[in-house]
N, C-alpha and C. Protein backbone atom coordinates (compact mmCIF):
# COMPACT_ATOMS: atom_id res chain seq x y z
N MET A 1 9.39 5.03 -17.87
CA MET A 1 8.57 3.87 -18.19
C MET A 1 7.14 4.35 -18.40
N GLY A 2 6.65 4.32 -19.61
CA GLY A 2 5.34 4.86 -19.90
C GLY A 2 4.50 3.94 -20.73
N LYS A 3 3.54 4.50 -21.43
CA LYS A 3 2.58 3.69 -22.15
C LYS A 3 3.12 3.18 -23.47
N SER A 4 4.35 3.48 -23.78
CA SER A 4 4.97 2.97 -24.99
C SER A 4 5.74 1.69 -24.73
N ASN A 5 5.46 1.01 -23.62
CA ASN A 5 6.22 -0.19 -23.24
C ASN A 5 5.61 -1.47 -23.79
N GLY A 6 4.75 -1.35 -24.79
CA GLY A 6 4.18 -2.56 -25.37
C GLY A 6 2.85 -2.93 -24.78
N SER A 7 2.36 -2.16 -23.83
CA SER A 7 1.10 -2.51 -23.19
C SER A 7 -0.09 -1.98 -23.97
N GLY A 8 0.20 -1.25 -25.11
CA GLY A 8 -0.89 -0.74 -25.91
C GLY A 8 -1.72 0.25 -25.14
N ASP A 9 -3.03 0.08 -25.25
CA ASP A 9 -3.92 1.00 -24.55
C ASP A 9 -4.45 0.41 -23.25
N LYS A 10 -3.69 -0.50 -22.67
CA LYS A 10 -4.11 -1.08 -21.40
C LYS A 10 -4.20 -0.01 -20.32
N LYS A 11 -5.17 -0.17 -19.44
CA LYS A 11 -5.27 0.72 -18.29
C LYS A 11 -4.22 0.33 -17.28
N ARG A 12 -3.48 1.31 -16.78
CA ARG A 12 -2.38 1.05 -15.85
C ARG A 12 -2.84 1.43 -14.44
N VAL A 13 -2.94 0.44 -13.58
CA VAL A 13 -3.51 0.63 -12.25
C VAL A 13 -2.50 0.28 -11.17
N GLY A 14 -2.22 1.24 -10.29
CA GLY A 14 -1.40 0.95 -9.13
C GLY A 14 -2.26 0.33 -8.04
N VAL A 15 -1.76 -0.73 -7.42
CA VAL A 15 -2.48 -1.40 -6.33
C VAL A 15 -1.67 -1.19 -5.05
N PHE A 16 -2.23 -0.43 -4.13
CA PHE A 16 -1.50 -0.05 -2.92
C PHE A 16 -2.25 -0.63 -1.72
N GLY A 17 -1.80 -1.79 -1.28
CA GLY A 17 -2.41 -2.43 -0.13
C GLY A 17 -1.67 -2.07 1.15
N GLY A 18 -2.36 -2.15 2.26
CA GLY A 18 -1.72 -1.85 3.53
C GLY A 18 -2.73 -1.86 4.66
N THR A 19 -2.22 -1.91 5.86
CA THR A 19 -3.10 -1.85 7.01
C THR A 19 -3.71 -0.45 7.13
N PHE A 20 -2.91 0.58 6.78
CA PHE A 20 -3.35 1.97 6.86
C PHE A 20 -3.97 2.26 8.23
N ASP A 21 -3.11 2.08 9.25
CA ASP A 21 -3.57 2.15 10.64
C ASP A 21 -2.76 3.18 11.44
N PRO A 22 -2.85 4.49 11.08
CA PRO A 22 -3.69 5.09 10.05
C PRO A 22 -2.90 5.38 8.77
N ILE A 23 -3.63 5.74 7.71
CA ILE A 23 -3.00 6.25 6.50
C ILE A 23 -2.35 7.60 6.82
N HIS A 24 -1.20 7.90 6.18
CA HIS A 24 -0.51 9.15 6.49
C HIS A 24 0.09 9.77 5.23
N ASN A 25 0.76 10.88 5.42
CA ASN A 25 1.26 11.65 4.28
C ASN A 25 2.30 10.91 3.46
N ALA A 26 3.09 10.04 4.08
CA ALA A 26 4.08 9.28 3.32
C ALA A 26 3.40 8.30 2.36
N HIS A 27 2.30 7.69 2.79
CA HIS A 27 1.55 6.82 1.88
C HIS A 27 1.12 7.59 0.64
N LEU A 28 0.60 8.78 0.85
CA LEU A 28 0.11 9.59 -0.27
C LEU A 28 1.27 10.03 -1.17
N ALA A 29 2.40 10.35 -0.59
CA ALA A 29 3.57 10.76 -1.38
C ALA A 29 4.09 9.60 -2.23
N ILE A 30 4.08 8.40 -1.68
CA ILE A 30 4.50 7.22 -2.43
C ILE A 30 3.56 6.97 -3.61
N ALA A 31 2.27 7.07 -3.36
CA ALA A 31 1.29 6.87 -4.43
C ALA A 31 1.48 7.90 -5.54
N THR A 32 1.73 9.14 -5.15
CA THR A 32 1.94 10.20 -6.13
C THR A 32 3.18 9.96 -6.97
N GLU A 33 4.27 9.53 -6.33
CA GLU A 33 5.51 9.26 -7.05
C GLU A 33 5.34 8.07 -7.99
N ALA A 34 4.68 7.02 -7.53
CA ALA A 34 4.46 5.85 -8.38
C ALA A 34 3.60 6.22 -9.59
N LYS A 35 2.58 7.01 -9.37
CA LYS A 35 1.71 7.43 -10.49
C LYS A 35 2.50 8.21 -11.52
N LYS A 36 3.35 9.11 -11.04
CA LYS A 36 4.15 9.94 -11.94
C LYS A 36 5.20 9.11 -12.69
N ARG A 37 5.94 8.29 -11.95
CA ARG A 37 7.04 7.53 -12.55
C ARG A 37 6.53 6.51 -13.57
N LEU A 38 5.41 5.87 -13.28
CA LEU A 38 4.92 4.79 -14.13
C LEU A 38 3.73 5.19 -15.00
N GLN A 39 3.38 6.45 -14.95
CA GLN A 39 2.28 6.98 -15.76
C GLN A 39 1.01 6.15 -15.53
N LEU A 40 0.68 5.96 -14.26
CA LEU A 40 -0.50 5.18 -13.91
C LEU A 40 -1.77 5.98 -14.18
N ASP A 41 -2.80 5.28 -14.59
CA ASP A 41 -4.09 5.93 -14.80
C ASP A 41 -4.78 6.18 -13.47
N GLU A 42 -4.54 5.30 -12.50
CA GLU A 42 -5.13 5.49 -11.17
C GLU A 42 -4.37 4.64 -10.16
N VAL A 43 -4.53 4.98 -8.90
CA VAL A 43 -3.98 4.18 -7.81
C VAL A 43 -5.14 3.72 -6.94
N LEU A 44 -5.20 2.41 -6.72
CA LEU A 44 -6.27 1.81 -5.94
C LEU A 44 -5.74 1.45 -4.55
N PHE A 45 -6.23 2.12 -3.52
CA PHE A 45 -5.85 1.84 -2.14
C PHE A 45 -6.74 0.71 -1.61
N ILE A 46 -6.11 -0.32 -1.03
CA ILE A 46 -6.87 -1.46 -0.53
C ILE A 46 -6.49 -1.74 0.92
N PRO A 47 -7.28 -1.24 1.88
CA PRO A 47 -7.00 -1.55 3.29
C PRO A 47 -7.12 -3.06 3.55
N ALA A 48 -6.17 -3.60 4.30
CA ALA A 48 -6.17 -5.03 4.59
C ALA A 48 -7.22 -5.37 5.63
N GLY A 49 -7.82 -6.53 5.47
CA GLY A 49 -8.77 -7.01 6.47
C GLY A 49 -8.04 -7.52 7.69
N GLN A 50 -7.47 -8.72 7.57
CA GLN A 50 -6.65 -9.32 8.62
C GLN A 50 -5.28 -9.62 8.03
N PRO A 51 -4.33 -8.67 8.10
CA PRO A 51 -3.01 -8.89 7.53
C PRO A 51 -2.31 -10.07 8.22
N TRP A 52 -2.02 -11.11 7.46
CA TRP A 52 -1.48 -12.33 8.08
C TRP A 52 -0.10 -12.12 8.70
N MET A 53 0.65 -11.12 8.23
CA MET A 53 1.98 -10.87 8.78
C MET A 53 1.93 -9.94 9.99
N LYS A 54 0.72 -9.46 10.35
CA LYS A 54 0.58 -8.60 11.52
C LYS A 54 -0.45 -9.17 12.48
N SER A 55 -0.53 -10.49 12.51
CA SER A 55 -1.54 -11.15 13.33
C SER A 55 -1.24 -11.07 14.82
N ASP A 56 -0.03 -10.54 15.15
CA ASP A 56 0.38 -10.49 16.55
C ASP A 56 0.02 -9.17 17.23
N ARG A 57 -0.66 -8.27 16.53
CA ARG A 57 -1.03 -7.02 17.17
C ARG A 57 -2.47 -6.62 16.84
N ILE A 58 -3.03 -5.82 17.72
CA ILE A 58 -4.40 -5.34 17.53
C ILE A 58 -4.38 -4.15 16.59
N ILE A 59 -5.28 -4.14 15.62
CA ILE A 59 -5.38 -3.01 14.70
C ILE A 59 -6.75 -2.36 14.84
N ALA A 60 -6.85 -1.14 14.37
CA ALA A 60 -8.11 -0.40 14.47
C ALA A 60 -9.18 -1.12 13.64
N PRO A 61 -10.45 -0.95 14.01
CA PRO A 61 -11.54 -1.60 13.27
C PRO A 61 -11.48 -1.27 11.78
N ALA A 62 -11.89 -2.24 10.97
CA ALA A 62 -11.82 -2.09 9.52
C ALA A 62 -12.58 -0.86 9.03
N GLU A 63 -13.75 -0.61 9.63
CA GLU A 63 -14.55 0.52 9.15
C GLU A 63 -13.85 1.86 9.40
N ASP A 64 -13.07 1.93 10.48
CA ASP A 64 -12.33 3.16 10.76
C ASP A 64 -11.17 3.34 9.78
N ARG A 65 -10.46 2.28 9.52
CA ARG A 65 -9.33 2.37 8.59
C ARG A 65 -9.80 2.69 7.18
N LEU A 66 -10.91 2.10 6.78
CA LEU A 66 -11.49 2.40 5.46
C LEU A 66 -11.93 3.85 5.39
N ALA A 67 -12.59 4.33 6.43
CA ALA A 67 -13.06 5.71 6.46
C ALA A 67 -11.90 6.70 6.36
N MET A 68 -10.80 6.39 7.05
CA MET A 68 -9.65 7.29 7.02
C MET A 68 -9.02 7.36 5.63
N VAL A 69 -8.96 6.22 4.94
CA VAL A 69 -8.44 6.23 3.57
C VAL A 69 -9.35 7.05 2.67
N GLN A 70 -10.65 6.85 2.81
CA GLN A 70 -11.60 7.62 2.01
C GLN A 70 -11.43 9.11 2.22
N LEU A 71 -11.22 9.52 3.46
CA LEU A 71 -11.02 10.93 3.77
C LEU A 71 -9.70 11.44 3.20
N ALA A 72 -8.67 10.60 3.26
CA ALA A 72 -7.34 11.02 2.81
C ALA A 72 -7.27 11.26 1.31
N ILE A 73 -8.05 10.51 0.54
CA ILE A 73 -7.95 10.61 -0.92
C ILE A 73 -9.09 11.40 -1.54
N GLN A 74 -9.96 11.94 -0.72
CA GLN A 74 -11.07 12.72 -1.28
C GLN A 74 -10.51 13.89 -2.08
N ARG A 75 -11.18 14.20 -3.16
CA ARG A 75 -10.80 15.28 -4.09
C ARG A 75 -9.56 14.94 -4.91
N ARG A 76 -9.03 13.74 -4.79
CA ARG A 76 -7.90 13.31 -5.63
C ARG A 76 -8.49 12.36 -6.68
N ILE A 77 -8.71 12.86 -7.87
CA ILE A 77 -9.50 12.13 -8.86
C ILE A 77 -8.82 10.87 -9.38
N TYR A 78 -7.50 10.76 -9.21
CA TYR A 78 -6.80 9.58 -9.70
C TYR A 78 -6.65 8.49 -8.64
N TYR A 79 -7.19 8.73 -7.45
CA TYR A 79 -7.10 7.75 -6.38
C TYR A 79 -8.48 7.17 -6.09
N ARG A 80 -8.52 5.87 -5.86
CA ARG A 80 -9.76 5.21 -5.45
C ARG A 80 -9.45 4.29 -4.28
N VAL A 81 -10.48 3.91 -3.56
CA VAL A 81 -10.32 2.97 -2.45
C VAL A 81 -11.23 1.78 -2.69
N SER A 82 -10.75 0.60 -2.33
CA SER A 82 -11.54 -0.62 -2.46
C SER A 82 -11.64 -1.31 -1.11
N SER A 83 -12.83 -1.81 -0.80
CA SER A 83 -13.04 -2.56 0.44
C SER A 83 -12.94 -4.06 0.21
N LEU A 84 -12.33 -4.44 -0.90
CA LEU A 84 -12.24 -5.84 -1.31
C LEU A 84 -11.76 -6.76 -0.20
N GLU A 85 -10.64 -6.42 0.44
CA GLU A 85 -10.07 -7.30 1.46
C GLU A 85 -10.87 -7.26 2.76
N LEU A 86 -11.57 -6.16 2.97
CA LEU A 86 -12.37 -6.05 4.19
C LEU A 86 -13.64 -6.89 4.11
N GLU A 87 -14.05 -7.23 2.89
CA GLU A 87 -15.27 -8.00 2.69
C GLU A 87 -15.06 -9.48 2.91
N ASN A 88 -13.81 -9.92 2.93
CA ASN A 88 -13.50 -11.34 3.06
C ASN A 88 -13.20 -11.71 4.50
N GLU A 89 -13.63 -12.89 4.90
CA GLU A 89 -13.27 -13.40 6.22
C GLU A 89 -11.90 -14.06 6.15
N GLY A 90 -11.20 -14.03 7.26
CA GLY A 90 -9.89 -14.67 7.31
C GLY A 90 -8.79 -13.73 6.85
N PRO A 91 -7.55 -14.24 6.79
CA PRO A 91 -6.38 -13.43 6.44
C PRO A 91 -6.47 -12.88 5.01
N SER A 92 -5.81 -11.75 4.80
CA SER A 92 -5.73 -11.14 3.47
C SER A 92 -4.44 -11.58 2.79
N TYR A 93 -4.56 -12.08 1.57
CA TYR A 93 -3.40 -12.49 0.79
C TYR A 93 -3.37 -11.72 -0.52
N THR A 94 -2.23 -11.13 -0.83
CA THR A 94 -2.10 -10.30 -2.01
C THR A 94 -2.43 -11.05 -3.29
N VAL A 95 -1.99 -12.28 -3.40
CA VAL A 95 -2.23 -13.03 -4.64
C VAL A 95 -3.72 -13.20 -4.90
N GLU A 96 -4.48 -13.42 -3.85
CA GLU A 96 -5.92 -13.60 -4.02
C GLU A 96 -6.59 -12.28 -4.38
N THR A 97 -6.10 -11.18 -3.80
CA THR A 97 -6.63 -9.86 -4.14
C THR A 97 -6.38 -9.56 -5.61
N LEU A 98 -5.16 -9.82 -6.09
CA LEU A 98 -4.84 -9.56 -7.49
C LEU A 98 -5.66 -10.42 -8.44
N ARG A 99 -5.90 -11.67 -8.07
CA ARG A 99 -6.73 -12.53 -8.90
C ARG A 99 -8.15 -11.98 -9.01
N THR A 100 -8.67 -11.51 -7.88
CA THR A 100 -10.02 -10.94 -7.90
C THR A 100 -10.07 -9.67 -8.74
N LEU A 101 -9.05 -8.83 -8.60
CA LEU A 101 -9.00 -7.61 -9.40
C LEU A 101 -8.91 -7.93 -10.89
N ARG A 102 -8.14 -8.96 -11.23
CA ARG A 102 -8.04 -9.39 -12.63
C ARG A 102 -9.40 -9.82 -13.16
N GLN A 103 -10.14 -10.57 -12.35
CA GLN A 103 -11.47 -11.02 -12.77
C GLN A 103 -12.41 -9.83 -12.95
N ARG A 104 -12.33 -8.87 -12.05
CA ARG A 104 -13.25 -7.74 -12.08
C ARG A 104 -12.89 -6.71 -13.15
N MET A 105 -11.58 -6.49 -13.37
CA MET A 105 -11.16 -5.40 -14.24
C MET A 105 -10.73 -5.86 -15.62
N GLY A 106 -10.55 -7.19 -15.79
CA GLY A 106 -10.28 -7.73 -17.10
C GLY A 106 -8.82 -7.73 -17.51
N ARG A 107 -8.57 -8.38 -18.64
CA ARG A 107 -7.22 -8.55 -19.15
C ARG A 107 -6.64 -7.26 -19.71
N ASN A 108 -7.48 -6.27 -19.91
CA ASN A 108 -7.00 -5.02 -20.49
C ASN A 108 -6.47 -4.06 -19.42
N THR A 109 -6.25 -4.59 -18.23
CA THR A 109 -5.70 -3.80 -17.12
C THR A 109 -4.34 -4.34 -16.74
N GLU A 110 -3.37 -3.47 -16.60
CA GLU A 110 -2.02 -3.84 -16.17
C GLU A 110 -1.84 -3.35 -14.74
N PHE A 111 -1.46 -4.28 -13.84
CA PHE A 111 -1.36 -3.93 -12.43
C PHE A 111 0.07 -3.69 -11.99
N PHE A 112 0.22 -2.71 -11.10
CA PHE A 112 1.52 -2.37 -10.51
C PHE A 112 1.35 -2.37 -9.00
N LEU A 113 1.96 -3.35 -8.34
CA LEU A 113 1.78 -3.54 -6.90
C LEU A 113 2.80 -2.70 -6.13
N ILE A 114 2.32 -1.72 -5.38
CA ILE A 114 3.18 -0.80 -4.65
C ILE A 114 3.47 -1.35 -3.25
N ILE A 115 4.76 -1.54 -2.96
CA ILE A 115 5.19 -2.08 -1.67
C ILE A 115 6.40 -1.29 -1.18
N GLY A 116 6.83 -1.55 0.04
CA GLY A 116 8.05 -0.95 0.56
C GLY A 116 9.26 -1.79 0.18
N CYS A 117 10.39 -1.15 -0.02
CA CYS A 117 11.61 -1.89 -0.38
C CYS A 117 11.95 -2.95 0.65
N ASP A 118 11.64 -2.68 1.91
CA ASP A 118 11.95 -3.65 2.95
C ASP A 118 11.14 -4.93 2.79
N SER A 119 10.02 -4.86 2.07
CA SER A 119 9.20 -6.06 1.86
C SER A 119 9.82 -7.00 0.83
N LEU A 120 10.72 -6.49 -0.01
CA LEU A 120 11.31 -7.34 -1.05
C LEU A 120 12.10 -8.50 -0.44
N GLY A 121 12.81 -8.22 0.66
CA GLY A 121 13.61 -9.26 1.30
C GLY A 121 12.77 -10.38 1.89
N GLN A 122 11.50 -10.07 2.18
CA GLN A 122 10.58 -11.06 2.74
C GLN A 122 9.58 -11.57 1.71
N PHE A 123 9.75 -11.15 0.47
CA PHE A 123 8.75 -11.47 -0.54
C PHE A 123 8.59 -12.97 -0.76
N TYR A 124 9.67 -13.73 -0.55
CA TYR A 124 9.61 -15.19 -0.73
C TYR A 124 8.65 -15.84 0.26
N ARG A 125 8.35 -15.13 1.36
CA ARG A 125 7.44 -15.67 2.38
C ARG A 125 5.97 -15.43 2.01
N TRP A 126 5.72 -14.55 1.05
CA TRP A 126 4.35 -14.25 0.67
C TRP A 126 3.72 -15.47 0.00
N LYS A 127 2.42 -15.56 0.06
CA LYS A 127 1.72 -16.66 -0.58
C LYS A 127 1.85 -16.56 -2.10
N GLU A 128 2.37 -17.61 -2.72
CA GLU A 128 2.51 -17.72 -4.18
C GLU A 128 3.20 -16.50 -4.80
N PRO A 129 4.44 -16.24 -4.40
CA PRO A 129 5.13 -15.05 -4.91
C PRO A 129 5.31 -15.05 -6.44
N ILE A 130 5.57 -16.20 -7.02
CA ILE A 130 5.74 -16.25 -8.48
C ILE A 130 4.45 -15.87 -9.19
N GLU A 131 3.34 -16.31 -8.65
CA GLU A 131 2.04 -15.99 -9.25
C GLU A 131 1.78 -14.48 -9.14
N ILE A 132 2.19 -13.87 -8.03
CA ILE A 132 2.04 -12.42 -7.88
C ILE A 132 2.79 -11.70 -8.99
N LEU A 133 4.01 -12.18 -9.29
CA LEU A 133 4.82 -11.55 -10.34
C LEU A 133 4.19 -11.71 -11.72
N LYS A 134 3.41 -12.76 -11.90
CA LYS A 134 2.70 -12.94 -13.17
C LYS A 134 1.53 -11.97 -13.29
N LEU A 135 0.97 -11.62 -12.14
CA LEU A 135 -0.22 -10.78 -12.13
C LEU A 135 0.09 -9.28 -12.07
N ALA A 136 1.29 -8.93 -11.56
CA ALA A 136 1.59 -7.51 -11.37
C ALA A 136 3.09 -7.25 -11.40
N THR A 137 3.45 -6.04 -11.79
CA THR A 137 4.81 -5.55 -11.65
C THR A 137 4.95 -4.96 -10.25
N LEU A 138 6.04 -5.27 -9.56
CA LEU A 138 6.27 -4.71 -8.23
C LEU A 138 6.85 -3.31 -8.36
N VAL A 139 6.38 -2.41 -7.52
CA VAL A 139 6.90 -1.05 -7.45
C VAL A 139 7.34 -0.84 -6.01
N ALA A 140 8.65 -0.78 -5.78
CA ALA A 140 9.18 -0.75 -4.42
C ALA A 140 9.63 0.65 -4.04
N ALA A 141 9.03 1.17 -2.97
CA ALA A 141 9.35 2.52 -2.49
C ALA A 141 10.45 2.46 -1.44
N PRO A 142 11.37 3.43 -1.43
CA PRO A 142 12.48 3.41 -0.46
C PRO A 142 12.01 3.64 0.96
N ARG A 143 12.77 3.09 1.91
CA ARG A 143 12.52 3.33 3.33
C ARG A 143 13.75 4.01 3.91
N PRO A 144 13.59 5.17 4.53
CA PRO A 144 14.73 5.88 5.11
C PRO A 144 15.52 4.99 6.08
N GLY A 145 16.84 5.01 5.94
CA GLY A 145 17.69 4.23 6.82
C GLY A 145 17.88 2.79 6.39
N SER A 146 17.13 2.35 5.37
CA SER A 146 17.26 0.99 4.88
C SER A 146 18.11 0.99 3.61
N PRO A 147 19.03 0.04 3.48
CA PRO A 147 19.86 -0.01 2.28
C PRO A 147 19.05 -0.39 1.05
N ARG A 148 19.53 -0.01 -0.11
CA ARG A 148 18.88 -0.40 -1.35
C ARG A 148 18.91 -1.92 -1.45
N PRO A 149 17.80 -2.57 -1.80
CA PRO A 149 17.76 -4.02 -1.81
C PRO A 149 18.73 -4.63 -2.81
N ASP A 150 19.33 -5.75 -2.42
CA ASP A 150 20.24 -6.48 -3.30
C ASP A 150 19.41 -7.45 -4.13
N MET A 151 19.05 -7.03 -5.33
CA MET A 151 18.14 -7.82 -6.16
C MET A 151 18.75 -9.17 -6.56
N LYS A 152 20.08 -9.24 -6.65
CA LYS A 152 20.71 -10.52 -7.00
C LYS A 152 20.48 -11.55 -5.90
N GLU A 153 20.55 -11.11 -4.64
CA GLU A 153 20.31 -12.02 -3.53
C GLU A 153 18.84 -12.41 -3.46
N ILE A 154 17.97 -11.43 -3.67
CA ILE A 154 16.53 -11.71 -3.64
C ILE A 154 16.14 -12.65 -4.76
N GLU A 155 16.83 -12.51 -5.90
CA GLU A 155 16.56 -13.36 -7.07
C GLU A 155 16.82 -14.84 -6.75
N LYS A 156 17.73 -15.11 -5.83
CA LYS A 156 18.03 -16.50 -5.47
C LYS A 156 16.81 -17.16 -4.82
N GLN A 157 16.02 -16.37 -4.13
CA GLN A 157 14.84 -16.91 -3.45
C GLN A 157 13.58 -16.80 -4.31
N VAL A 158 13.51 -15.78 -5.14
CA VAL A 158 12.35 -15.57 -6.00
C VAL A 158 12.84 -15.30 -7.43
N PRO A 159 12.98 -16.36 -8.24
CA PRO A 159 13.45 -16.19 -9.61
C PRO A 159 12.57 -15.22 -10.40
N PHE A 160 13.22 -14.47 -11.30
CA PHE A 160 12.54 -13.55 -12.22
C PHE A 160 12.05 -12.26 -11.56
N ILE A 161 12.28 -12.08 -10.26
CA ILE A 161 11.73 -10.91 -9.59
C ILE A 161 12.36 -9.61 -10.09
N SER A 162 13.63 -9.64 -10.48
CA SER A 162 14.30 -8.41 -10.91
C SER A 162 13.63 -7.80 -12.13
N GLY A 163 13.26 -8.65 -13.07
CA GLY A 163 12.63 -8.17 -14.29
C GLY A 163 11.21 -7.71 -14.11
N ARG A 164 10.65 -7.95 -12.93
CA ARG A 164 9.27 -7.56 -12.65
C ARG A 164 9.21 -6.55 -11.49
N THR A 165 10.33 -5.84 -11.27
CA THR A 165 10.38 -4.90 -10.15
C THR A 165 10.93 -3.55 -10.61
N VAL A 166 10.24 -2.50 -10.21
CA VAL A 166 10.71 -1.12 -10.43
C VAL A 166 11.05 -0.54 -9.07
N LEU A 167 12.29 -0.07 -8.91
CA LEU A 167 12.72 0.53 -7.65
C LEU A 167 12.59 2.05 -7.74
N LEU A 168 11.78 2.63 -6.88
CA LEU A 168 11.64 4.08 -6.84
C LEU A 168 12.80 4.69 -6.05
N ASP A 169 13.25 5.85 -6.46
CA ASP A 169 14.33 6.55 -5.75
C ASP A 169 13.79 7.47 -4.66
N LYS A 170 12.53 7.81 -4.75
CA LYS A 170 11.90 8.72 -3.79
C LYS A 170 10.41 8.39 -3.74
N PRO A 171 9.70 8.88 -2.75
CA PRO A 171 10.14 9.80 -1.69
C PRO A 171 10.76 9.04 -0.52
N GLU A 172 11.68 9.70 0.16
CA GLU A 172 12.24 9.14 1.39
C GLU A 172 11.71 9.95 2.55
N ILE A 173 10.65 9.46 3.15
CA ILE A 173 10.01 10.17 4.26
C ILE A 173 10.04 9.27 5.49
N ASP A 174 10.69 9.75 6.53
CA ASP A 174 10.83 8.95 7.75
C ASP A 174 9.57 9.06 8.59
N LEU A 175 8.57 8.26 8.20
CA LEU A 175 7.27 8.33 8.85
C LEU A 175 6.61 6.97 8.77
N SER A 176 6.00 6.55 9.87
CA SER A 176 5.30 5.27 9.88
C SER A 176 4.03 5.39 10.71
N SER A 177 3.11 4.47 10.46
CA SER A 177 1.87 4.45 11.23
C SER A 177 2.16 4.18 12.70
N THR A 178 3.18 3.37 12.97
CA THR A 178 3.56 3.10 14.36
C THR A 178 3.95 4.38 15.08
N ASP A 179 4.76 5.21 14.42
CA ASP A 179 5.17 6.50 15.00
C ASP A 179 3.96 7.35 15.33
N ILE A 180 3.00 7.37 14.40
CA ILE A 180 1.81 8.21 14.59
C ILE A 180 0.99 7.70 15.77
N ARG A 181 0.79 6.39 15.85
CA ARG A 181 0.02 5.84 16.97
C ARG A 181 0.69 6.16 18.30
N GLU A 182 2.02 6.07 18.33
CA GLU A 182 2.75 6.36 19.57
C GLU A 182 2.64 7.84 19.94
N ARG A 183 2.68 8.71 18.95
CA ARG A 183 2.54 10.14 19.23
C ARG A 183 1.16 10.45 19.79
N ILE A 184 0.14 9.82 19.22
CA ILE A 184 -1.22 10.03 19.72
C ILE A 184 -1.34 9.56 21.16
N ALA A 185 -0.76 8.39 21.44
CA ALA A 185 -0.83 7.84 22.80
C ALA A 185 -0.14 8.75 23.81
N ARG A 186 0.87 9.52 23.33
CA ARG A 186 1.58 10.46 24.22
C ARG A 186 0.90 11.82 24.26
N GLY A 187 -0.18 11.97 23.50
CA GLY A 187 -0.90 13.23 23.49
C GLY A 187 -0.28 14.29 22.61
N GLU A 188 0.60 13.89 21.70
CA GLU A 188 1.28 14.83 20.81
C GLU A 188 0.47 15.06 19.53
N SER A 189 0.72 16.16 18.87
CA SER A 189 0.01 16.51 17.64
C SER A 189 0.50 15.67 16.47
N ILE A 190 -0.43 15.34 15.58
CA ILE A 190 -0.08 14.63 14.33
C ILE A 190 -0.55 15.44 13.13
N ASP A 191 -0.86 16.71 13.35
CA ASP A 191 -1.46 17.53 12.29
C ASP A 191 -0.58 17.65 11.05
N ASP A 192 0.74 17.55 11.22
CA ASP A 192 1.63 17.67 10.06
C ASP A 192 1.99 16.32 9.45
N LEU A 193 1.39 15.25 9.96
CA LEU A 193 1.74 13.90 9.52
C LEU A 193 0.65 13.21 8.72
N VAL A 194 -0.57 13.65 8.87
CA VAL A 194 -1.71 13.05 8.18
C VAL A 194 -2.57 14.17 7.60
N PRO A 195 -3.40 13.86 6.59
CA PRO A 195 -4.32 14.89 6.09
C PRO A 195 -5.22 15.39 7.21
N ALA A 196 -5.63 16.65 7.11
CA ALA A 196 -6.42 17.27 8.18
C ALA A 196 -7.69 16.49 8.48
N ALA A 197 -8.34 15.97 7.44
CA ALA A 197 -9.59 15.23 7.65
C ALA A 197 -9.34 13.94 8.43
N VAL A 198 -8.18 13.34 8.23
CA VAL A 198 -7.83 12.12 8.97
C VAL A 198 -7.54 12.45 10.43
N ALA A 199 -6.81 13.52 10.66
CA ALA A 199 -6.53 13.95 12.04
C ALA A 199 -7.82 14.22 12.79
N ASP A 200 -8.76 14.88 12.11
CA ASP A 200 -10.05 15.18 12.74
C ASP A 200 -10.81 13.89 13.06
N TYR A 201 -10.77 12.94 12.15
CA TYR A 201 -11.48 11.67 12.36
C TYR A 201 -10.90 10.92 13.56
N ILE A 202 -9.57 10.90 13.65
CA ILE A 202 -8.91 10.21 14.77
C ILE A 202 -9.31 10.83 16.10
N LYS A 203 -9.34 12.16 16.13
CA LYS A 203 -9.73 12.86 17.37
C LYS A 203 -11.19 12.58 17.72
N GLU A 204 -12.04 12.65 16.71
CA GLU A 204 -13.48 12.48 16.93
C GLU A 204 -13.82 11.09 17.44
N HIS A 205 -13.08 10.08 16.94
CA HIS A 205 -13.37 8.69 17.30
C HIS A 205 -12.42 8.16 18.37
N HIS A 206 -11.56 9.04 18.90
CA HIS A 206 -10.64 8.67 19.98
C HIS A 206 -9.80 7.44 19.64
N LEU A 207 -9.32 7.38 18.41
CA LEU A 207 -8.50 6.25 17.99
C LEU A 207 -7.08 6.39 18.55
N TYR A 208 -6.52 5.29 18.98
CA TYR A 208 -5.12 5.15 19.42
C TYR A 208 -4.78 5.88 20.72
N SER A 209 -5.73 6.59 21.29
CA SER A 209 -5.41 7.35 22.51
C SER A 209 -5.70 6.57 23.78
N GLY A 210 -6.41 5.47 23.66
CA GLY A 210 -6.78 4.70 24.83
C GLY A 210 -8.08 5.17 25.44
N GLU A 211 -8.61 6.28 24.91
CA GLU A 211 -9.88 6.79 25.40
C GLU A 211 -11.03 6.07 24.68
N LYS A 212 -12.17 6.07 25.29
CA LYS A 212 -13.35 5.48 24.68
C LYS A 212 -14.21 6.57 24.08
N ALA A 213 -14.72 6.26 22.85
CA ALA A 213 -15.56 7.25 22.16
C ALA A 213 -16.89 7.39 22.87
């Protein structure tokens, strides 16, 4: 799927939202695969302000999560980070983020929303899912141990989603931010799980260890 799909000379932008608490190597591998598979011009990482689906747990301060993303993508010229959702008060909603990006980047930009395959089954719960599909093509990354989504079943809840979804076959990396936080709390190394600059930042700011900076 490339630039010969009728989009003309539109700029192709991947939109990768997430709590990024913290960002890790699997996030970067997914972004790289999406860029390659869909011939994206760039991938925009957008740390969530107050993720409405994670309102039941405490997350690291926004400035720390933003800083870690900035460190993780430094020297990667095709990756950018946006503080768009961090600038808004209240919960972060994908549809509102995409609308703002459309206003800022114009009609000559084609958006590809990068999510996990496990999110497809819950996509009907998202705010204005049909409007999201009008604003962006979904790019679903596999999750190890999770079955390939049944798009026919998902289509019953969200019409037209199949035609607006690209399923990636890789990467399959069994890694999550939860695992990393738990390893830090146990005093274990995360040097092979996150970029070196992110590991250094976590240590310097005593994130997730229960210690005070």
